């Protein structure tokens, strides 16, 4: 009788381990990557207005993957007539790359002297809020990439891209659009 109980207990343990592994496989199969579902990501929206002869005022806010605004809008004043957004692009996996907005600069102010914005979308736990909503494994990878950018230790697949716009006399709204299969551009907001 004791031997049967022991065998039954061992069978239950094996079945529970197997069922947990099977459940994890089912969940991961159903948990489709948000990047596979979205063709483009709008991580930042901003308005630019010309201030005087050679200055601009930029009001900006960041957004998560669901399109929810992160915190309050911020404003920065820059010298120049062209606005550049220095972005760091990192490979998430073999299919997708992700974009981290890093700094604003202009045709007068160099990227190294520009307004750093990479910390502006960091949440209270240190995670880049613009990617809030991804699955757990992607979140860990994104955190590692973000930490590398913050510590000036990019990966070997990292590169920089700086889309830019010429400032118009009227206040104009824009959005920074990154395509998950490649490409970054600044588009006028609807």
Protein backbone atom coordinates (compact mmCIF):
# COMPACT_ATOMS: atom_id res chain seq x y z
CA UNK A 1 0.00 0.00 0.00
CA UNK A 2 2.82 2.43 0.90
CA UNK A 3 4.59 1.54 -2.31
CA UNK A 4 1.46 2.37 -4.36
CA UNK A 5 1.13 5.73 -2.60
CA UNK A 6 4.76 6.52 -3.29
CA UNK A 7 4.38 5.60 -6.97
CA UNK A 8 1.14 7.62 -7.19
CA UNK A 9 2.87 10.61 -5.58
CA UNK A 10 5.79 10.36 -8.01
CA UNK A 11 3.38 10.17 -10.96
CA UNK A 12 1.54 13.26 -9.66
CA UNK A 13 4.80 15.19 -9.33
CA UNK A 14 5.87 14.27 -12.87
CA UNK A 15 2.43 15.15 -14.26
CA UNK A 16 2.36 18.50 -12.45
CA UNK A 17 5.81 19.42 -13.77
CA UNK A 18 4.77 18.35 -17.27
CA UNK A 19 1.50 20.28 -17.05
CA UNK A 20 3.31 23.43 -15.90
CA UNK A 21 5.74 23.17 -18.81
CA UNK A 22 2.87 22.56 -21.22
CA UNK A 23 0.92 25.49 -19.81
CA UNK A 24 3.95 27.78 -20.20
CA UNK A 25 4.32 26.67 -23.82
CA UNK A 26 0.63 27.33 -24.52
CA UNK A 27 0.76 30.76 -22.88
CA UNK A 28 3.91 31.79 -24.75
CA UNK A 29 2.36 30.60 -28.01
CA UNK A 30 -0.75 32.67 -27.40
CA UNK A 31 1.12 35.65 -26.01
CA UNK A 32 1.89 37.27 -29.35
CA UNK A 33 4.56 39.92 -29.35
CA UNK A 34 3.14 43.44 -29.39
CA UNK A 35 5.75 44.24 -32.00
CA UNK A 36 4.26 41.63 -34.33
CA UNK A 37 0.87 43.30 -33.90
CA UNK A 38 1.95 46.92 -34.43
CA UNK A 39 3.49 48.09 -37.67
CA UNK A 40 4.54 51.42 -36.18
CA UNK A 41 5.07 52.89 -32.74
CA UNK A 42 4.44 56.52 -31.80
CA UNK A 43 6.57 57.05 -28.70
CA UNK A 44 6.58 60.85 -28.69
CA UNK A 45 4.38 63.73 -29.81
CA UNK A 46 5.60 67.30 -29.83
CA UNK A 47 4.77 70.82 -30.93
CA UNK A 48 7.33 73.23 -32.29
CA UNK A 49 7.00 76.96 -32.69
CA UNK A 50 9.47 79.52 -33.95
CA UNK A 51 10.59 81.99 -31.28
CA UNK A 52 12.28 85.04 -32.72
CA UNK A 53 14.84 84.90 -35.47
CA UNK A 54 16.81 81.77 -34.59
CA UNK A 55 15.08 80.04 -31.67
CA UNK A 56 12.42 77.40 -31.25
CA UNK A 57 10.19 76.22 -28.44
CA UNK A 58 9.54 72.47 -28.29
CA UNK A 59 6.75 71.05 -26.09
CA UNK A 60 6.84 67.26 -25.96
CA UNK A 61 5.30 64.23 -24.27
CA UNK A 62 5.95 60.49 -24.41
CA UNK A 63 3.39 57.73 -24.94
CA UNK A 64 3.32 54.01 -24.14
CA UNK A 65 2.44 51.28 -26.63
CA UNK A 66 -1.27 51.70 -25.83
CA UNK A 67 -1.11 55.38 -26.75
CA UNK A 68 -1.44 56.62 -23.16
CA UNK A 69 0.51 59.75 -22.27
CA UNK A 70 3.34 59.27 -19.77
CA UNK A 71 3.45 62.07 -17.22
CA UNK A 72 3.27 65.74 -18.08
CA UNK A 73 4.37 67.52 -21.22
CA UNK A 74 7.75 69.21 -21.02
CA UNK A 75 9.11 72.23 -22.84
CA UNK A 76 12.59 73.10 -24.01
CA UNK A 77 13.94 76.16 -25.82
CA UNK A 78 16.67 75.65 -28.41
CA UNK A 79 18.64 77.88 -30.74
CA UNK A 80 18.37 77.01 -34.41
CA UNK A 81 15.96 76.64 -37.30
CA UNK A 82 16.05 72.84 -37.70
CA UNK A 83 15.11 70.35 -34.97
CA UNK A 84 16.85 66.97 -34.85
CA UNK A 85 15.87 64.05 -32.61
CA UNK A 86 18.88 61.88 -31.81
CA UNK A 87 17.57 58.30 -31.53
CA UNK A 88 19.34 55.13 -30.49
CA UNK A 89 18.20 52.07 -32.39
CA UNK A 90 18.73 48.65 -30.83
CA UNK A 91 17.94 45.21 -32.20
CA UNK A 92 15.33 43.48 -30.02
CA UNK A 93 15.53 40.18 -31.88
CA UNK A 94 16.22 38.90 -35.39
CA UNK A 95 13.00 40.50 -36.72
CA UNK A 96 12.54 43.75 -34.82
CA UNK A 97 14.52 46.81 -33.83
CA UNK A 98 13.32 49.38 -31.32
CA UNK A 99 13.96 53.10 -31.03
CA UNK A 100 14.93 55.03 -27.91
CA UNK A 101 14.58 58.83 -28.35
CA UNK A 102 17.78 60.20 -26.81
CA UNK A 103 18.15 63.97 -27.29
CA UNK A 104 16.98 67.09 -29.10
CA UNK A 105 19.53 69.18 -30.95
CA UNK A 106 19.53 71.66 -33.82
CA UNK A 107 21.48 72.91 -36.78
CA UNK A 108 23.29 75.22 -34.31
CA UNK A 109 23.53 73.01 -31.21
CA UNK A 110 25.41 69.71 -31.62
CA UNK A 111 23.98 66.37 -30.49
CA UNK A 112 26.45 66.22 -27.60
CA UNK A 113 25.28 69.65 -26.37
CA UNK A 114 21.57 69.04 -27.00
CA UNK A 115 18.77 68.47 -24.50
CA UNK A 116 18.95 64.84 -23.29
CA UNK A 117 15.46 63.29 -23.13
CA UNK A 118 16.24 59.58 -22.68
CA UNK A 119 15.52 59.77 -18.92
CA UNK A 120 12.22 61.61 -19.42
CA UNK A 121 10.29 58.42 -20.18
CA UNK A 122 11.84 56.27 -17.44
CA UNK A 123 9.18 55.05 -14.99
CA UNK A 124 9.59 54.71 -11.22
CA UNK A 125 11.14 51.24 -11.55
CA UNK A 126 13.69 52.43 -14.13
CA UNK A 127 11.92 50.87 -17.12
CA UNK A 128 11.40 52.86 -20.36
CA UNK A 129 7.66 53.59 -20.16
CA UNK A 130 7.35 53.97 -23.93
CA UNK A 131 7.56 50.16 -24.12
CA UNK A 132 5.11 49.43 -21.32
CA UNK A 133 2.80 46.60 -22.38
CA UNK A 134 5.22 44.04 -23.83
CA UNK A 135 5.45 40.47 -22.57
CA UNK A 136 7.81 39.53 -19.74
CA UNK A 137 10.70 38.19 -21.83
CA UNK A 138 10.68 41.25 -24.12
CA UNK A 139 10.49 43.52 -21.08
CA UNK A 140 13.68 42.02 -19.63
CA UNK A 141 15.50 42.40 -22.95
CA UNK A 142 14.28 46.00 -23.40
CA UNK A 143 15.39 46.86 -19.85
CA UNK A 144 18.87 45.51 -20.61
CA UNK A 145 19.07 47.53 -23.86
CA UNK A 146 17.84 50.69 -22.10
CA UNK A 147 20.36 50.26 -19.27
CA UNK A 148 23.10 49.92 -21.89
CA UNK A 149 22.03 53.20 -23.51
CA UNK A 150 21.86 55.00 -20.15
CA UNK A 151 25.34 53.74 -19.25
CA UNK A 152 26.73 54.56 -22.72
CA UNK A 153 27.30 50.85 -23.45
CA UNK A 154 25.34 50.13 -26.64
CA UNK A 155 25.26 46.66 -28.17
CA UNK A 156 27.25 45.78 -31.27
CA UNK A 157 24.02 46.04 -33.34
CA UNK A 158 23.21 49.54 -32.08
CA UNK A 159 23.19 52.60 -34.29
CA UNK A 160 22.05 56.21 -34.18
CA UNK A 161 19.53 57.92 -36.40
CA UNK A 162 18.48 61.57 -36.28
CA UNK A 163 15.33 62.49 -38.18
CA UNK A 164 14.80 66.23 -38.41
CA UNK A 165 12.38 68.97 -39.47
CA UNK A 166 12.71 72.57 -40.58
CA UNK A 167 10.87 74.88 -38.18
CA UNK A 168 7.84 76.67 -39.63
CA UNK A 169 6.62 80.11 -38.50
CA UNK A 170 3.38 78.67 -37.07
CA UNK A 171 3.10 76.26 -34.15
CA UNK A 172 3.02 72.77 -35.68
CA UNK A 173 2.33 69.38 -34.09
CA UNK A 174 4.42 66.32 -34.93
CA UNK A 175 4.91 62.73 -33.86
CA UNK A 176 8.00 60.53 -33.85
CA UNK A 177 7.11 57.31 -35.66
CA UNK A 178 9.29 54.22 -35.60
CA UNK A 179 8.52 51.24 -37.75
CA UNK A 180 9.23 47.90 -36.08
CA UNK A 181 10.79 46.52 -39.26
CA UNK A 182 12.99 49.59 -39.66
CA UNK A 183 12.74 53.30 -40.24
CA UNK A 184 12.18 56.40 -38.13
CA UNK A 185 10.41 59.52 -39.28
CA UNK A 186 8.77 62.66 -38.03
CA UNK A 187 5.21 63.08 -39.28
CA UNK A 188 2.72 65.89 -38.77
CA UNK A 189 0.14 65.00 -36.13
CA UNK A 190 -3.40 64.54 -37.32
